[in-house]
Amino acid sequence: MASSPLCAGEPVDFYANHGYIYEQDATIGSLVPELEKRGIAESIDGLSIAKLRLLENPRVRPILDPYLDRLDVRLCTTLGPDPHHYFVLSLEPGQKDRIIVHLLSLGSQAELTENSHLDSPGSGRLTGAPASNGFIEVPKPALKQRGCPVPVQLEAGGL
């Protein structure tokens, strides 16, 4: 999977315009297996450790600060490879009171969809079904109507 260039420009603006941001971050990439080895990857303790590391990143801190200051974890889960399955947190367009943060280990690959957070004219409402991982699974054609897929490969890991 060829990776798109890392998110350029002002991170807060990029996130607001595209509905996602990703960042190669070796500190996070090495943290993921450490949390899994300690058995705390899906716990508040693991999230507290991750929060400290996330806030050390000056490009993403301005995006995460409003969410991490009022930490209200609804879902903390480990996701493995799940090709051809696409998940969202909400079907509501423009949702801004919650954020999904994926901590990605070394060599992680993902596919993001630009503007999937918006109900653009002609795109129709996003539909999906509850998934066993706590997210909502949506069909790829519905996401493709909203924007182009953005392949991401983070050799060093990141978020």
N, C-alpha and C. Protein backbone atom coordinates (compact mmCIF):
# COMPACT_ATOMS: atom_id res chain seq x y z
N MET A 1 0.85 -1.17 0.00
CA MET A 1 0.00 0.00 0.00
C MET A 1 0.90 1.23 0.00
N ALA A 2 0.79 2.05 -1.01
CA ALA A 2 1.56 3.28 -1.06
C ALA A 2 0.90 4.30 -0.14
N SER A 3 1.71 5.00 0.61
CA SER A 3 1.17 5.95 1.56
C SER A 3 1.06 7.33 0.94
N SER A 4 0.01 8.04 1.30
CA SER A 4 -0.10 9.44 0.93
C SER A 4 0.91 10.21 1.76
N PRO A 5 1.31 11.39 1.29
CA PRO A 5 2.24 12.17 2.10
C PRO A 5 1.62 12.50 3.44
N LEU A 6 2.47 12.66 4.44
CA LEU A 6 1.95 13.00 5.76
C LEU A 6 1.18 14.31 5.68
N CYS A 7 0.25 14.48 6.58
CA CYS A 7 -0.61 15.65 6.59
C CYS A 7 0.25 16.91 6.64
N ALA A 8 0.08 17.77 5.65
CA ALA A 8 0.90 18.97 5.54
C ALA A 8 0.13 20.18 6.06
N GLY A 9 0.86 21.22 6.38
CA GLY A 9 0.23 22.46 6.80
C GLY A 9 -0.11 22.46 8.28
N GLU A 10 -0.99 23.37 8.65
CA GLU A 10 -1.41 23.53 10.03
C GLU A 10 -2.31 22.36 10.43
N PRO A 11 -1.89 21.55 11.42
CA PRO A 11 -2.65 20.34 11.76
C PRO A 11 -4.11 20.59 12.14
N VAL A 12 -4.38 21.63 12.90
CA VAL A 12 -5.76 21.89 13.33
C VAL A 12 -6.64 22.18 12.11
N ASP A 13 -6.13 22.98 11.19
CA ASP A 13 -6.88 23.29 9.97
C ASP A 13 -7.06 22.04 9.11
N PHE A 14 -6.00 21.26 8.98
CA PHE A 14 -6.08 20.03 8.18
C PHE A 14 -7.16 19.11 8.75
N TYR A 15 -7.15 18.92 10.06
CA TYR A 15 -8.14 18.06 10.72
C TYR A 15 -9.56 18.59 10.50
N ALA A 16 -9.75 19.89 10.65
CA ALA A 16 -11.08 20.47 10.48
C ALA A 16 -11.58 20.31 9.04
N ASN A 17 -10.69 20.43 8.08
CA ASN A 17 -11.08 20.36 6.67
C ASN A 17 -11.24 18.94 6.14
N HIS A 18 -10.46 18.01 6.64
CA HIS A 18 -10.44 16.66 6.07
C HIS A 18 -11.12 15.61 6.94
N GLY A 19 -11.27 15.88 8.23
CA GLY A 19 -11.92 14.92 9.12
C GLY A 19 -10.98 13.88 9.69
N TYR A 20 -9.69 14.02 9.43
CA TYR A 20 -8.70 13.10 9.98
C TYR A 20 -7.35 13.79 9.96
N ILE A 21 -6.43 13.23 10.68
CA ILE A 21 -5.02 13.60 10.59
C ILE A 21 -4.24 12.35 10.97
N TYR A 22 -3.12 12.16 10.36
CA TYR A 22 -2.25 11.05 10.77
C TYR A 22 -0.84 11.58 10.84
N GLU A 23 -0.06 10.95 11.69
CA GLU A 23 1.28 11.43 11.96
C GLU A 23 2.17 10.24 12.27
N GLN A 24 3.28 10.16 11.57
CA GLN A 24 4.27 9.13 11.88
C GLN A 24 4.92 9.52 13.21
N ASP A 25 4.96 8.61 14.15
CA ASP A 25 5.49 8.91 15.48
C ASP A 25 6.07 7.63 16.07
N ALA A 26 7.39 7.53 16.06
CA ALA A 26 8.06 6.32 16.52
C ALA A 26 7.83 6.07 18.01
N THR A 27 7.64 7.13 18.78
CA THR A 27 7.37 6.97 20.22
C THR A 27 6.07 6.21 20.42
N ILE A 28 5.04 6.60 19.68
CA ILE A 28 3.76 5.90 19.76
C ILE A 28 3.89 4.50 19.17
N GLY A 29 4.60 4.38 18.05
CA GLY A 29 4.79 3.08 17.41
C GLY A 29 5.41 2.05 18.33
N SER A 30 6.33 2.47 19.19
CA SER A 30 6.96 1.54 20.13
C SER A 30 6.13 1.37 21.40
N LEU A 31 5.25 2.34 21.69
CA LEU A 31 4.41 2.25 22.88
C LEU A 31 3.35 1.15 22.74
N VAL A 32 2.80 1.00 21.55
CA VAL A 32 1.71 0.04 21.34
C VAL A 32 2.09 -1.37 21.79
N PRO A 33 3.20 -1.96 21.30
CA PRO A 33 3.53 -3.31 21.77
C PRO A 33 3.88 -3.36 23.25
N GLU A 34 4.41 -2.26 23.78
CA GLU A 34 4.72 -2.20 25.21
C GLU A 34 3.44 -2.31 26.04
N LEU A 35 2.41 -1.56 25.66
CA LEU A 35 1.13 -1.61 26.38
C LEU A 35 0.48 -2.98 26.25
N GLU A 36 0.58 -3.57 25.06
CA GLU A 36 0.02 -4.91 24.86
C GLU A 36 0.75 -5.94 25.70
N LYS A 37 2.07 -5.86 25.74
CA LYS A 37 2.88 -6.80 26.53
C LYS A 37 2.53 -6.71 28.01
N ARG A 38 2.27 -5.49 28.49
CA ARG A 38 1.93 -5.28 29.90
C ARG A 38 0.46 -5.59 30.19
N GLY A 39 -0.32 -5.88 29.14
CA GLY A 39 -1.73 -6.23 29.32
C GLY A 39 -2.61 -5.05 29.67
N ILE A 40 -2.19 -3.83 29.32
CA ILE A 40 -2.98 -2.64 29.67
C ILE A 40 -3.39 -1.83 28.44
N ALA A 41 -3.28 -2.42 27.26
CA ALA A 41 -3.60 -1.68 26.04
C ALA A 41 -5.06 -1.25 25.99
N GLU A 42 -5.95 -1.97 26.64
CA GLU A 42 -7.38 -1.65 26.60
C GLU A 42 -7.88 -1.13 27.95
N SER A 43 -7.00 -0.47 28.70
CA SER A 43 -7.39 -0.02 30.03
C SER A 43 -7.17 1.48 30.19
N ILE A 44 -7.76 2.03 31.25
CA ILE A 44 -7.55 3.44 31.57
C ILE A 44 -6.08 3.69 31.89
N ASP A 45 -5.40 2.73 32.53
CA ASP A 45 -3.97 2.89 32.82
C ASP A 45 -3.17 3.04 31.53
N GLY A 46 -3.47 2.19 30.56
CA GLY A 46 -2.79 2.27 29.27
C GLY A 46 -3.09 3.58 28.56
N LEU A 47 -4.34 4.01 28.64
CA LEU A 47 -4.72 5.27 28.01
C LEU A 47 -4.03 6.46 28.68
N SER A 48 -3.86 6.40 29.99
CA SER A 48 -3.16 7.48 30.70
C SER A 48 -1.71 7.59 30.25
N ILE A 49 -1.06 6.44 30.07
CA ILE A 49 0.32 6.44 29.58
C ILE A 49 0.35 6.99 28.15
N ALA A 50 -0.57 6.54 27.32
CA ALA A 50 -0.62 7.00 25.93
C ALA A 50 -0.89 8.50 25.87
N LYS A 51 -1.76 8.98 26.73
CA LYS A 51 -2.10 10.41 26.75
C LYS A 51 -0.85 11.25 26.95
N LEU A 52 0.00 10.85 27.90
CA LEU A 52 1.24 11.60 28.14
C LEU A 52 2.11 11.65 26.90
N ARG A 53 2.23 10.52 26.21
CA ARG A 53 3.05 10.47 25.00
C ARG A 53 2.42 11.28 23.86
N LEU A 54 1.11 11.19 23.73
CA LEU A 54 0.42 11.94 22.68
C LEU A 54 0.61 13.45 22.84
N LEU A 55 0.55 13.90 24.08
CA LEU A 55 0.66 15.34 24.34
C LEU A 55 2.07 15.86 24.13
N GLU A 56 3.05 14.96 23.99
CA GLU A 56 4.42 15.38 23.69
C GLU A 56 4.57 15.77 22.22
N ASN A 57 3.61 15.40 21.38
CA ASN A 57 3.69 15.67 19.94
C ASN A 57 3.08 17.05 19.66
N PRO A 58 3.92 18.05 19.32
CA PRO A 58 3.41 19.42 19.15
C PRO A 58 2.47 19.60 17.96
N ARG A 59 2.51 18.69 16.99
CA ARG A 59 1.61 18.83 15.83
C ARG A 59 0.19 18.34 16.14
N VAL A 60 0.06 17.37 16.99
CA VAL A 60 -1.28 16.83 17.26
C VAL A 60 -1.85 17.31 18.59
N ARG A 61 -1.01 17.83 19.47
CA ARG A 61 -1.51 18.27 20.77
C ARG A 61 -2.66 19.27 20.66
N PRO A 62 -2.58 20.29 19.77
CA PRO A 62 -3.69 21.25 19.70
C PRO A 62 -5.02 20.60 19.28
N ILE A 63 -4.96 19.51 18.56
CA ILE A 63 -6.17 18.80 18.15
C ILE A 63 -6.72 17.97 19.31
N LEU A 64 -5.82 17.30 20.02
CA LEU A 64 -6.24 16.37 21.06
C LEU A 64 -6.58 17.04 22.39
N ASP A 65 -5.95 18.17 22.70
CA ASP A 65 -6.15 18.83 23.99
C ASP A 65 -7.61 18.95 24.42
N PRO A 66 -8.51 19.45 23.57
CA PRO A 66 -9.90 19.62 24.02
C PRO A 66 -10.57 18.30 24.41
N TYR A 67 -10.15 17.21 23.81
CA TYR A 67 -10.75 15.91 24.09
C TYR A 67 -10.10 15.24 25.29
N LEU A 68 -8.78 15.35 25.40
CA LEU A 68 -8.07 14.65 26.46
C LEU A 68 -8.21 15.34 27.80
N ASP A 69 -8.51 16.63 27.80
CA ASP A 69 -8.71 17.34 29.06
C ASP A 69 -9.97 16.87 29.78
N ARG A 70 -10.94 16.39 29.03
CA ARG A 70 -12.18 15.86 29.63
C ARG A 70 -12.32 14.39 29.25
N LEU A 71 -11.33 13.64 29.67
CA LEU A 71 -11.24 12.24 29.30
C LEU A 71 -12.49 11.48 29.72
N ASP A 72 -13.21 10.99 28.76
CA ASP A 72 -14.43 10.22 28.97
C ASP A 72 -14.39 9.06 27.99
N VAL A 73 -13.72 8.02 28.40
CA VAL A 73 -13.48 6.90 27.49
C VAL A 73 -14.74 6.05 27.37
N ARG A 74 -15.22 5.90 26.15
CA ARG A 74 -16.38 5.06 25.89
C ARG A 74 -15.96 3.74 25.27
N LEU A 75 -14.81 3.75 24.62
CA LEU A 75 -14.36 2.56 23.93
C LEU A 75 -12.84 2.58 23.89
N CYS A 76 -12.24 1.55 24.39
CA CYS A 76 -10.80 1.40 24.32
C CYS A 76 -10.56 -0.05 23.95
N THR A 77 -10.17 -0.28 22.71
CA THR A 77 -10.07 -1.65 22.22
C THR A 77 -8.87 -1.80 21.31
N THR A 78 -8.38 -3.01 21.21
CA THR A 78 -7.30 -3.32 20.30
C THR A 78 -7.91 -3.83 19.00
N LEU A 79 -7.51 -3.22 17.90
CA LEU A 79 -7.99 -3.64 16.59
C LEU A 79 -6.83 -4.26 15.83
N GLY A 80 -7.07 -5.39 15.22
CA GLY A 80 -6.07 -6.02 14.38
C GLY A 80 -6.40 -5.79 12.92
N PRO A 81 -5.70 -6.47 12.04
CA PRO A 81 -5.99 -6.33 10.61
C PRO A 81 -7.43 -6.74 10.32
N ASP A 82 -8.12 -5.93 9.58
CA ASP A 82 -9.51 -6.22 9.22
C ASP A 82 -9.79 -5.65 7.83
N PRO A 83 -9.10 -6.21 6.81
CA PRO A 83 -9.23 -5.65 5.47
C PRO A 83 -10.68 -5.70 4.97
N HIS A 84 -11.03 -4.70 4.20
CA HIS A 84 -12.34 -4.59 3.56
C HIS A 84 -13.47 -4.31 4.54
N HIS A 85 -13.14 -3.87 5.75
CA HIS A 85 -14.15 -3.45 6.72
C HIS A 85 -13.83 -2.02 7.11
N TYR A 86 -14.85 -1.16 7.12
CA TYR A 86 -14.66 0.26 7.34
C TYR A 86 -15.54 0.70 8.50
N PHE A 87 -14.95 1.38 9.47
CA PHE A 87 -15.65 1.70 10.71
C PHE A 87 -15.67 3.20 10.96
N VAL A 88 -16.75 3.67 11.56
CA VAL A 88 -16.89 5.05 12.00
C VAL A 88 -17.40 5.04 13.43
N LEU A 89 -17.25 6.18 14.10
CA LEU A 89 -17.73 6.30 15.47
C LEU A 89 -19.20 6.72 15.50
N SER A 90 -19.59 7.52 14.51
CA SER A 90 -20.95 8.06 14.49
C SER A 90 -21.42 8.23 13.05
N LEU A 91 -22.72 8.16 12.85
CA LEU A 91 -23.30 8.42 11.53
C LEU A 91 -23.74 9.87 11.39
N GLU A 92 -23.61 10.65 12.45
CA GLU A 92 -24.01 12.06 12.42
C GLU A 92 -22.94 12.89 11.73
N PRO A 93 -23.32 13.73 10.76
CA PRO A 93 -22.33 14.55 10.07
C PRO A 93 -21.78 15.65 10.97
N GLY A 94 -20.50 15.95 10.77
CA GLY A 94 -19.88 17.07 11.47
C GLY A 94 -19.75 16.91 12.97
N GLN A 95 -19.81 15.70 13.48
CA GLN A 95 -19.71 15.47 14.92
C GLN A 95 -18.38 15.99 15.44
N LYS A 96 -18.43 16.79 16.49
CA LYS A 96 -17.20 17.39 17.00
C LYS A 96 -16.98 17.17 18.48
N ASP A 97 -17.86 16.45 19.15
CA ASP A 97 -17.68 16.29 20.59
C ASP A 97 -16.90 15.02 20.95
N ARG A 98 -16.57 14.20 19.96
CA ARG A 98 -15.79 12.98 20.20
C ARG A 98 -14.76 12.83 19.10
N ILE A 99 -13.74 12.07 19.43
CA ILE A 99 -12.67 11.83 18.47
C ILE A 99 -12.20 10.38 18.61
N ILE A 100 -11.81 9.80 17.51
CA ILE A 100 -11.19 8.47 17.53
C ILE A 100 -9.69 8.68 17.41
N VAL A 101 -8.94 8.09 18.32
CA VAL A 101 -7.49 8.13 18.24
C VAL A 101 -7.01 6.69 18.12
N HIS A 102 -6.38 6.39 17.02
CA HIS A 102 -5.79 5.07 16.82
C HIS A 102 -4.30 5.18 17.08
N LEU A 103 -3.79 4.36 17.98
CA LEU A 103 -2.35 4.26 18.20
C LEU A 103 -1.88 3.11 17.32
N LEU A 104 -0.96 3.39 16.43
CA LEU A 104 -0.57 2.42 15.41
C LEU A 104 0.86 1.95 15.64
N SER A 105 1.03 0.63 15.63
CA SER A 105 2.35 0.05 15.85
C SER A 105 3.19 0.11 14.57
N LEU A 106 4.42 -0.32 14.68
CA LEU A 106 5.35 -0.31 13.55
C LEU A 106 4.74 -0.97 12.32
N GLY A 107 4.91 -0.34 11.16
CA GLY A 107 4.46 -0.93 9.90
C GLY A 107 2.96 -0.94 9.68
N SER A 108 2.21 -0.18 10.46
CA SER A 108 0.75 -0.18 10.33
C SER A 108 0.30 0.42 9.00
N GLN A 109 -0.82 -0.12 8.51
CA GLN A 109 -1.46 0.38 7.30
C GLN A 109 -2.92 0.67 7.61
N ALA A 110 -3.44 1.70 7.00
CA ALA A 110 -4.85 2.04 7.18
C ALA A 110 -5.34 2.71 5.90
N GLU A 111 -6.65 2.78 5.78
CA GLU A 111 -7.24 3.54 4.68
C GLU A 111 -8.27 4.49 5.28
N LEU A 112 -8.04 5.76 5.09
CA LEU A 112 -8.94 6.80 5.58
C LEU A 112 -9.75 7.32 4.40
N THR A 113 -10.88 7.94 4.69
CA THR A 113 -11.69 8.52 3.63
C THR A 113 -11.87 10.00 3.91
N GLU A 114 -11.33 10.80 3.01
CA GLU A 114 -11.44 12.25 3.15
C GLU A 114 -12.90 12.66 3.11
N ASN A 115 -13.27 13.55 4.01
CA ASN A 115 -14.62 14.12 4.10
C ASN A 115 -15.70 13.13 4.52
N SER A 116 -15.34 12.00 5.08
CA SER A 116 -16.35 11.04 5.51
C SER A 116 -17.18 11.59 6.67
N HIS A 117 -16.70 12.66 7.29
CA HIS A 117 -17.40 13.27 8.42
C HIS A 117 -18.46 14.29 7.99
N LEU A 118 -18.61 14.48 6.68
CA LEU A 118 -19.55 15.49 6.18
C LEU A 118 -20.68 14.85 5.38
N ASP A 119 -21.85 15.47 5.41
CA ASP A 119 -22.93 15.11 4.50
C ASP A 119 -22.88 16.10 3.35
N SER A 120 -22.12 15.77 2.32
CA SER A 120 -21.99 16.66 1.16
C SER A 120 -23.23 16.55 0.29
N PRO A 121 -23.55 17.61 -0.48
CA PRO A 121 -24.70 17.54 -1.39
C PRO A 121 -24.57 16.34 -2.33
N GLY A 122 -25.64 15.57 -2.41
CA GLY A 122 -25.66 14.41 -3.29
C GLY A 122 -25.09 13.14 -2.69
N SER A 123 -24.49 13.23 -1.51
CA SER A 123 -23.87 12.03 -0.93
C SER A 123 -24.86 11.20 -0.13
N GLY A 124 -25.97 11.78 0.28
CA GLY A 124 -26.94 11.04 1.10
C GLY A 124 -26.41 10.82 2.50
N ARG A 125 -27.29 10.38 3.37
CA ARG A 125 -26.88 10.12 4.75
C ARG A 125 -26.05 8.85 4.80
N LEU A 126 -25.08 8.86 5.66
CA LEU A 126 -24.24 7.69 5.87
C LEU A 126 -25.04 6.65 6.65
N THR A 127 -24.99 5.41 6.20
CA THR A 127 -25.68 4.32 6.89
C THR A 127 -24.67 3.27 7.29
N GLY A 128 -25.02 2.51 8.30
CA GLY A 128 -24.12 1.47 8.75
C GLY A 128 -24.81 0.58 9.76
N ALA A 129 -24.06 -0.41 10.23
CA ALA A 129 -24.59 -1.37 11.19
C ALA A 129 -23.63 -1.47 12.37
N PRO A 130 -24.16 -1.68 13.58
CA PRO A 130 -23.28 -1.84 14.74
C PRO A 130 -22.32 -3.01 14.52
N ALA A 131 -21.06 -2.78 14.84
CA ALA A 131 -20.03 -3.81 14.69
C ALA A 131 -19.66 -4.36 16.06
N SER A 132 -19.11 -5.54 16.08
CA SER A 132 -18.75 -6.18 17.35
C SER A 132 -17.64 -5.45 18.09
N ASN A 133 -16.89 -4.57 17.40
CA ASN A 133 -15.80 -3.86 18.06
C ASN A 133 -16.26 -2.55 18.71
N GLY A 134 -17.55 -2.27 18.68
CA GLY A 134 -18.08 -1.07 19.31
C GLY A 134 -18.25 0.11 18.36
N PHE A 135 -17.73 0.00 17.15
CA PHE A 135 -17.89 1.05 16.16
C PHE A 135 -19.10 0.73 15.28
N ILE A 136 -19.28 1.53 14.25
CA ILE A 136 -20.33 1.29 13.26
C ILE A 136 -19.63 0.96 11.95
N GLU A 137 -20.00 -0.17 11.35
CA GLU A 137 -19.40 -0.55 10.08
C GLU A 137 -20.23 0.04 8.95
N VAL A 138 -19.54 0.70 8.02
CA VAL A 138 -20.22 1.31 6.89
C VAL A 138 -19.72 0.69 5.60
N PRO A 139 -20.56 0.63 4.57
CA PRO A 139 -20.12 0.05 3.29
C PRO A 139 -19.15 1.00 2.57
N LYS A 140 -18.14 0.41 1.94
CA LYS A 140 -17.14 1.21 1.25
C LYS A 140 -17.74 2.12 0.17
N PRO A 141 -18.73 1.67 -0.62
CA PRO A 141 -19.30 2.57 -1.63
C PRO A 141 -19.86 3.87 -1.04
N ALA A 142 -20.45 3.78 0.15
CA ALA A 142 -20.98 4.99 0.80
C ALA A 142 -19.85 5.95 1.17
N LEU A 143 -18.73 5.41 1.60
CA LEU A 143 -17.58 6.26 1.92
C LEU A 143 -16.97 6.85 0.66
N LYS A 144 -16.89 6.06 -0.40
CA LYS A 144 -16.29 6.54 -1.65
C LYS A 144 -17.09 7.70 -2.23
N GLN A 145 -18.41 7.73 -1.99
CA GLN A 145 -19.22 8.85 -2.47
C GLN A 145 -18.81 10.15 -1.80
N ARG A 146 -18.29 10.05 -0.60
CA ARG A 146 -17.94 11.23 0.19
C ARG A 146 -16.55 11.76 -0.10
N GLY A 147 -15.67 10.91 -0.56
CA GLY A 147 -14.31 11.37 -0.80
C GLY A 147 -13.41 10.24 -1.24
N CYS A 148 -12.23 10.62 -1.60
CA CYS A 148 -11.25 9.65 -2.09
C CYS A 148 -10.63 8.88 -0.93
N PRO A 149 -10.36 7.59 -1.14
CA PRO A 149 -9.65 6.86 -0.10
C PRO A 149 -8.21 7.37 0.00
N VAL A 150 -7.72 7.43 1.22
CA VAL A 150 -6.37 7.90 1.48
C VAL A 150 -5.59 6.76 2.14
N PRO A 151 -4.74 6.07 1.37
CA PRO A 151 -3.95 4.99 1.97
C PRO A 151 -2.84 5.57 2.84
N VAL A 152 -2.65 4.95 3.99
CA VAL A 152 -1.65 5.42 4.94
C VAL A 152 -0.78 4.25 5.35
N GLN A 153 0.51 4.44 5.29
CA GLN A 153 1.46 3.44 5.80
C GLN A 153 2.40 4.17 6.74
N LEU A 154 2.45 3.72 7.98
CA LEU A 154 3.30 4.33 8.99
C LEU A 154 4.37 3.33 9.41
N GLU A 155 5.50 3.36 8.73
CA GLU A 155 6.59 2.41 9.01
C GLU A 155 7.02 2.47 10.47
N ALA A 156 7.07 3.67 11.03
CA ALA A 156 7.52 3.84 12.42
C ALA A 156 6.36 3.78 13.41
N GLY A 157 5.15 3.57 12.90
CA GLY A 157 3.98 3.64 13.76
C GLY A 157 3.55 5.09 13.91
N GLY A 158 2.56 5.32 14.73
CA GLY A 158 2.10 6.69 14.94
C GLY A 158 0.65 6.73 15.33
N LEU A 159 -0.06 7.77 14.85
CA LEU A 159 -1.48 7.90 15.16
C LEU A 159 -2.22 8.46 13.98
